[in-house]
Amino acid sequence: MKKRLTLIQMDVHVNDVEYNYNRVQELLNQALSENPDIIVLPETWNTGFYPSTELINIADNNGERTKALLSAFSKEHNVNIVGGSVAVAKENLVFNTSYVYNRSGELVGEYSKMHGFSPAKEDKYFASGTHTTHFELDGIPCSTVICYDIRFPELVRMAALPGTELLFVPAQWPTMRLRHWQVLNEVRAIENQLFVCAVNGCGTVGRVQSTGHSAVYDPWGTNLLEMDTNEGIASVDIDLAVVEDIRNKINIFRDRKPELYNL
């Protein structure tokens, strides 16, 4: 099975919610010219990462605005959308949440980031999610984690165990740790024998620059696509037969011994 992934690498404006929603709509429309099967957005594209003092006031209330936009767009244009993530206000808490829609405009996946980046006090401003998510897009078993989550191999393995073949990683990863971004996504693809589609933001937040370099890796760790540091749209075709091939040749899931790990 072959599918086209279209990555939207967005320069998100911190605090400027109206700009960001309008810009996402523009970029989604532009992405249609790529004939995508799945469109993927970056992390916290509604608020930026992140305006700590007024986050609760500008976050999307119960995700209603985001869900309406993504559902209508995916249904109208018959395309799957992995909605990156948005800041969502729910019961006086803020979650960093990803919504996934299929071609019929149905919400098929919802995931809230589990690991807040404590050096930036993200864990003080966002509540933590408590479970992984698994969904299918065009029959492909998928899952998603968000940014800092990729540093936790236990979580990614949990996401991979139900037979996941395509993992999405929306992020706002900084330039100062570009090499980590590249290596971690590559290694997660290799060790879990799946495709990784990692979509980062770009532009600056104060003194911190998001590095861009959105990328797609196959289960062998081959870099199929890597963007530069600028806002833009890029696509790549993936062949899901590669997953079955590598899992037949090197069956790590059969050879695991979780009873010995005691983590």
Protein backbone atom coordinates (compact mmCIF):
# COMPACT_ATOMS: atom_id res chain seq x y z
CA MET A 1 0.00 0.00 0.00
CA LYS A 2 1.39 3.38 -1.03
CA LYS A 3 0.30 6.69 0.48
CA ARG A 4 1.31 10.32 0.09
CA LEU A 5 2.17 12.25 3.25
CA THR A 6 2.02 16.05 3.04
CA LEU A 7 3.82 17.93 5.80
CA ILE A 8 2.92 21.52 6.73
CA GLN A 9 5.87 23.22 8.44
CA MET A 10 4.32 26.38 9.89
CA ASP A 11 5.74 29.57 11.36
CA VAL A 12 3.33 29.79 14.29
CA HIS A 13 2.79 33.24 15.83
CA VAL A 14 2.76 33.14 19.63
CA ASN A 15 -0.42 34.65 21.15
CA ASP A 16 -1.91 35.49 17.74
CA VAL A 17 -4.70 32.93 17.61
CA GLU A 18 -6.65 34.56 14.79
CA TYR A 19 -3.58 34.74 12.57
CA ASN A 20 -2.75 31.11 13.25
CA TYR A 21 -6.23 29.77 12.42
CA ASN A 22 -6.35 31.82 9.23
CA ARG A 23 -2.85 30.71 8.27
CA VAL A 24 -3.63 27.04 8.88
CA GLN A 25 -6.66 27.35 6.62
CA GLU A 26 -4.47 28.89 3.91
CA LEU A 27 -1.79 26.22 4.24
CA LEU A 28 -4.34 23.40 4.22
CA ASN A 29 -5.77 24.77 0.98
CA GLN A 30 -2.29 25.04 -0.52
CA ALA A 31 -1.49 21.47 0.54
CA LEU A 32 -4.32 20.14 -1.62
CA SER A 33 -2.21 20.82 -4.71
CA GLU A 34 0.12 18.04 -3.50
CA ASN A 35 -2.66 15.44 -3.90
CA PRO A 36 -2.19 14.24 -0.31
CA ASP A 37 -3.60 11.17 1.36
CA ILE A 38 -2.65 12.47 4.81
CA ILE A 39 -1.91 16.09 5.78
CA VAL A 40 0.09 16.65 8.97
CA LEU A 41 0.41 19.82 11.08
CA PRO A 42 2.94 20.83 13.80
CA GLU A 43 2.55 21.23 17.57
CA THR A 44 0.49 23.98 19.32
CA TRP A 45 -0.25 25.73 16.07
CA ASN A 46 -3.16 27.70 17.56
CA THR A 47 -1.28 29.52 20.35
CA GLY A 48 2.38 28.90 19.76
CA PHE A 49 4.70 27.21 22.23
CA TYR A 50 3.70 28.87 24.44
CA PRO A 51 2.34 32.06 26.04
CA SER A 52 2.41 31.03 29.68
CA THR A 53 0.66 33.98 31.29
CA GLU A 54 -2.61 33.85 29.36
CA LEU A 55 -2.64 30.36 27.94
CA ILE A 56 -5.89 29.35 29.63
CA ASN A 57 -7.60 32.38 28.11
CA ILE A 58 -6.56 31.81 24.51
CA ALA A 59 -6.59 27.99 24.39
CA ASP A 60 -9.36 26.38 22.33
CA ASN A 61 -12.32 25.68 24.62
CA ASN A 62 -12.81 21.89 24.55
CA GLY A 63 -11.10 21.93 21.15
CA GLU A 64 -14.34 23.06 19.53
CA ARG A 65 -12.90 25.52 17.00
CA THR A 66 -10.13 23.18 15.95
CA LYS A 67 -12.38 20.16 15.62
CA ALA A 68 -14.91 22.09 13.53
CA LEU A 69 -12.20 23.33 11.16
CA LEU A 70 -10.44 20.00 10.68
CA SER A 71 -13.62 17.95 10.43
CA ALA A 72 -15.17 20.20 7.78
CA PHE A 73 -11.95 20.41 5.75
CA SER A 74 -11.22 16.68 5.75
CA LYS A 75 -14.79 15.83 4.74
CA GLU A 76 -15.05 18.50 2.04
CA HIS A 77 -11.74 17.53 0.44
CA ASN A 78 -11.76 13.78 1.12
CA VAL A 79 -8.40 13.85 2.91
CA ASN A 80 -7.04 12.52 6.21
CA ILE A 81 -5.68 15.14 8.62
CA VAL A 82 -3.35 14.62 11.56
CA GLY A 83 -3.98 17.95 13.23
CA GLY A 84 -0.59 18.40 14.88
CA SER A 85 -1.62 19.66 18.29
CA VAL A 86 -3.40 22.61 19.82
CA ALA A 87 -3.67 24.10 23.30
CA VAL A 88 -7.08 23.00 24.58
CA ALA A 89 -8.86 24.39 27.65
CA LYS A 90 -10.86 21.76 29.47
CA GLU A 91 -12.25 21.99 33.03
CA ASN A 92 -9.87 24.82 34.04
CA LEU A 93 -6.87 22.90 32.74
CA VAL A 94 -4.92 23.22 29.49
CA PHE A 95 -3.94 20.15 27.49
CA ASN A 96 -1.61 19.86 24.49
CA THR A 97 -3.91 17.77 22.31
CA SER A 98 -3.80 16.21 18.87
CA TYR A 99 -6.96 15.54 16.86
CA VAL A 100 -7.01 13.17 13.87
CA TYR A 101 -9.71 13.09 11.19
CA ASN A 102 -10.38 10.61 8.42
CA ARG A 103 -11.64 11.36 4.93
CA SER A 104 -15.25 11.35 6.12
CA GLY A 105 -14.60 14.11 8.63
CA GLU A 106 -14.80 11.72 11.57
CA LEU A 107 -12.63 12.14 14.66
CA VAL A 108 -10.68 8.87 14.81
CA GLY A 109 -7.80 9.77 17.12
CA GLU A 110 -7.27 12.06 20.12
CA TYR A 111 -4.06 12.25 22.14
CA SER A 112 -2.86 14.64 24.84
CA LYS A 113 0.89 15.01 25.32
CA MET A 114 2.08 12.99 28.30
CA HIS A 115 5.48 14.54 28.94
CA GLY A 116 5.76 18.27 29.53
CA PHE A 117 9.19 19.74 28.82
CA SER A 118 10.14 20.61 32.40
CA PRO A 119 13.24 22.75 31.55
CA ALA A 120 10.77 25.23 29.96
CA LYS A 121 8.17 24.61 32.71
CA GLU A 122 5.72 23.18 30.18
CA ASP A 123 4.63 20.71 32.85
CA LYS A 124 3.46 23.66 34.98
CA TYR A 125 1.18 25.08 32.31
CA PHE A 126 -0.15 21.97 30.59
CA ALA A 127 -1.93 19.05 32.20
CA SER A 128 -0.61 15.63 31.22
CA GLY A 129 -2.38 13.11 29.04
CA THR A 130 -2.74 9.60 30.43
CA HIS A 131 -3.02 7.20 27.48
CA THR A 132 -1.78 6.45 24.00
CA THR A 133 -4.03 6.56 20.96
CA HIS A 134 -4.39 4.12 18.08
CA PHE A 135 -6.36 4.73 14.90
CA GLU A 136 -6.50 3.77 11.24
CA LEU A 137 -6.15 6.05 8.22
CA ASP A 138 -6.98 4.35 4.93
CA GLY A 139 -6.48 1.02 6.69
CA ILE A 140 -3.01 1.93 8.05
CA PRO A 141 -2.55 1.33 11.81
CA CYS A 142 -1.30 4.65 13.23
CA SER A 143 -0.44 6.38 16.47
CA THR A 144 0.92 9.75 17.55
CA VAL A 145 3.11 11.25 20.25
CA ILE A 146 4.05 14.92 20.64
CA CYS A 147 7.52 16.55 20.64
CA TYR A 148 9.26 15.81 24.00
CA ASP A 149 7.42 12.47 24.12
CA ILE A 150 9.85 11.15 21.49
CA ARG A 151 12.60 11.10 24.13
CA PHE A 152 10.72 8.37 26.02
CA PRO A 153 11.22 5.03 24.27
CA GLU A 154 8.83 3.29 26.67
CA LEU A 155 5.96 5.47 25.46
CA VAL A 156 6.80 5.03 21.79
CA ARG A 157 7.03 1.26 22.25
CA MET A 158 3.58 1.29 23.89
CA ALA A 159 2.30 3.21 20.90
CA ALA A 160 3.93 0.71 18.52
CA LEU A 161 2.92 -2.58 20.15
CA PRO A 162 -0.62 -2.90 18.73
CA GLY A 163 0.86 -3.20 15.22
CA THR A 164 1.32 0.48 14.46
CA GLU A 165 2.94 1.07 11.07
CA LEU A 166 2.97 4.89 10.95
CA LEU A 167 3.83 7.18 13.87
CA PHE A 168 3.25 10.93 13.80
CA VAL A 169 5.39 13.35 15.83
CA PRO A 170 4.16 16.97 15.75
CA ALA A 171 6.63 19.28 17.49
CA GLN A 172 8.10 22.71 18.19
CA TRP A 173 11.71 21.55 18.49
CA PRO A 174 14.46 24.17 18.92
CA THR A 175 17.47 24.70 16.69
CA MET A 176 19.90 24.20 19.57
CA ARG A 177 18.90 20.52 19.71
CA LEU A 178 18.49 19.83 15.99
CA ARG A 179 20.76 16.79 16.09
CA HIS A 180 18.63 15.22 18.84
CA TRP A 181 15.52 15.79 16.72
CA GLN A 182 17.06 13.99 13.78
CA VAL A 183 18.58 11.09 15.70
CA LEU A 184 15.62 10.39 18.00
CA ASN A 185 13.10 10.23 15.18
CA GLU A 186 15.40 8.01 13.12
CA VAL A 187 16.04 5.64 16.03
CA ARG A 188 12.37 5.39 16.97
CA ALA A 189 11.64 4.35 13.38
CA ILE A 190 14.36 1.70 13.43
CA GLU A 191 13.68 0.22 16.86
CA ASN A 192 9.92 0.02 16.33
CA GLN A 193 10.07 -0.91 12.64
CA LEU A 194 7.60 1.70 11.48
CA PHE A 195 7.42 4.93 9.51
CA VAL A 196 7.92 8.14 11.48
CA CYS A 197 6.42 11.37 10.16
CA ALA A 198 7.84 14.19 12.30
CA VAL A 199 6.42 17.66 11.59
CA ASN A 200 8.09 20.59 13.32
CA GLY A 201 7.36 24.28 13.52
CA CYS A 202 9.72 27.02 12.39
CA GLY A 203 10.25 30.67 13.22
CA THR A 204 11.09 32.16 16.63
CA VAL A 205 9.54 32.30 20.09
CA GLY A 206 11.40 35.02 21.99
CA ARG A 207 15.05 33.95 21.80
CA VAL A 208 14.23 30.37 20.86
CA GLN A 209 14.03 29.30 17.23
CA SER A 210 12.10 26.24 16.12
CA THR A 211 14.42 24.39 13.82
CA GLY A 212 12.05 23.14 11.14
CA HIS A 213 13.64 20.10 9.51
CA SER A 214 10.35 18.22 9.40
CA ALA A 215 11.15 14.73 8.19
CA VAL A 216 9.93 11.24 7.31
CA TYR A 217 11.89 8.08 8.12
CA ASP A 218 11.15 4.55 6.97
CA PRO A 219 11.48 1.44 9.19
CA TRP A 220 15.09 0.96 8.08
CA GLY A 221 15.92 4.46 9.30
CA THR A 222 16.21 5.86 5.78
CA ASN A 223 15.49 9.58 5.62
CA LEU A 224 12.87 9.89 2.88
CA LEU A 225 12.29 13.61 3.28
CA GLU A 226 13.79 16.47 5.27
CA MET A 227 12.68 20.08 4.99
CA ASP A 228 14.77 23.20 5.63
CA THR A 229 14.16 25.88 8.28
CA ASN A 230 11.51 27.85 6.39
CA GLU A 231 7.74 27.70 6.44
CA GLY A 232 6.51 25.47 3.66
CA ILE A 233 4.82 22.34 2.43
CA ALA A 234 6.50 19.11 1.31
CA SER A 235 5.29 15.66 0.36
CA VAL A 236 6.64 12.15 0.12
CA ASP A 237 5.19 8.82 -0.97
CA ILE A 238 5.62 5.91 1.42
CA ASP A 239 5.21 2.20 0.71
CA LEU A 240 3.74 0.39 3.72
CA ALA A 241 4.97 -2.95 2.32
CA VAL A 242 8.36 -2.00 3.80
CA VAL A 243 6.95 -2.54 7.30
CA GLU A 244 5.93 -6.14 6.62
CA ASP A 245 9.23 -6.81 4.89
CA ILE A 246 11.45 -5.70 7.77
CA ARG A 247 9.26 -7.33 10.41
CA ASN A 248 9.53 -10.62 8.53
CA LYS A 249 13.31 -10.35 8.30
CA ILE A 250 14.01 -9.07 11.83
CA ASN A 251 11.04 -9.82 14.06
CA ILE A 252 11.83 -7.78 17.17
CA PHE A 253 8.25 -7.95 18.42
CA ARG A 254 8.37 -11.74 18.48
CA ASP A 255 11.80 -11.74 20.14
CA ARG A 256 10.99 -9.25 22.91
CA LYS A 257 11.18 -10.50 26.52
CA PRO A 258 9.24 -7.89 28.48
CA GLU A 259 9.12 -10.13 31.55
CA LEU A 260 12.87 -9.54 31.96
CA TYR A 261 12.86 -5.75 31.66
CA ASN A 262 11.13 -4.84 34.95
CA LEU A 263 10.86 -1.16 34.10
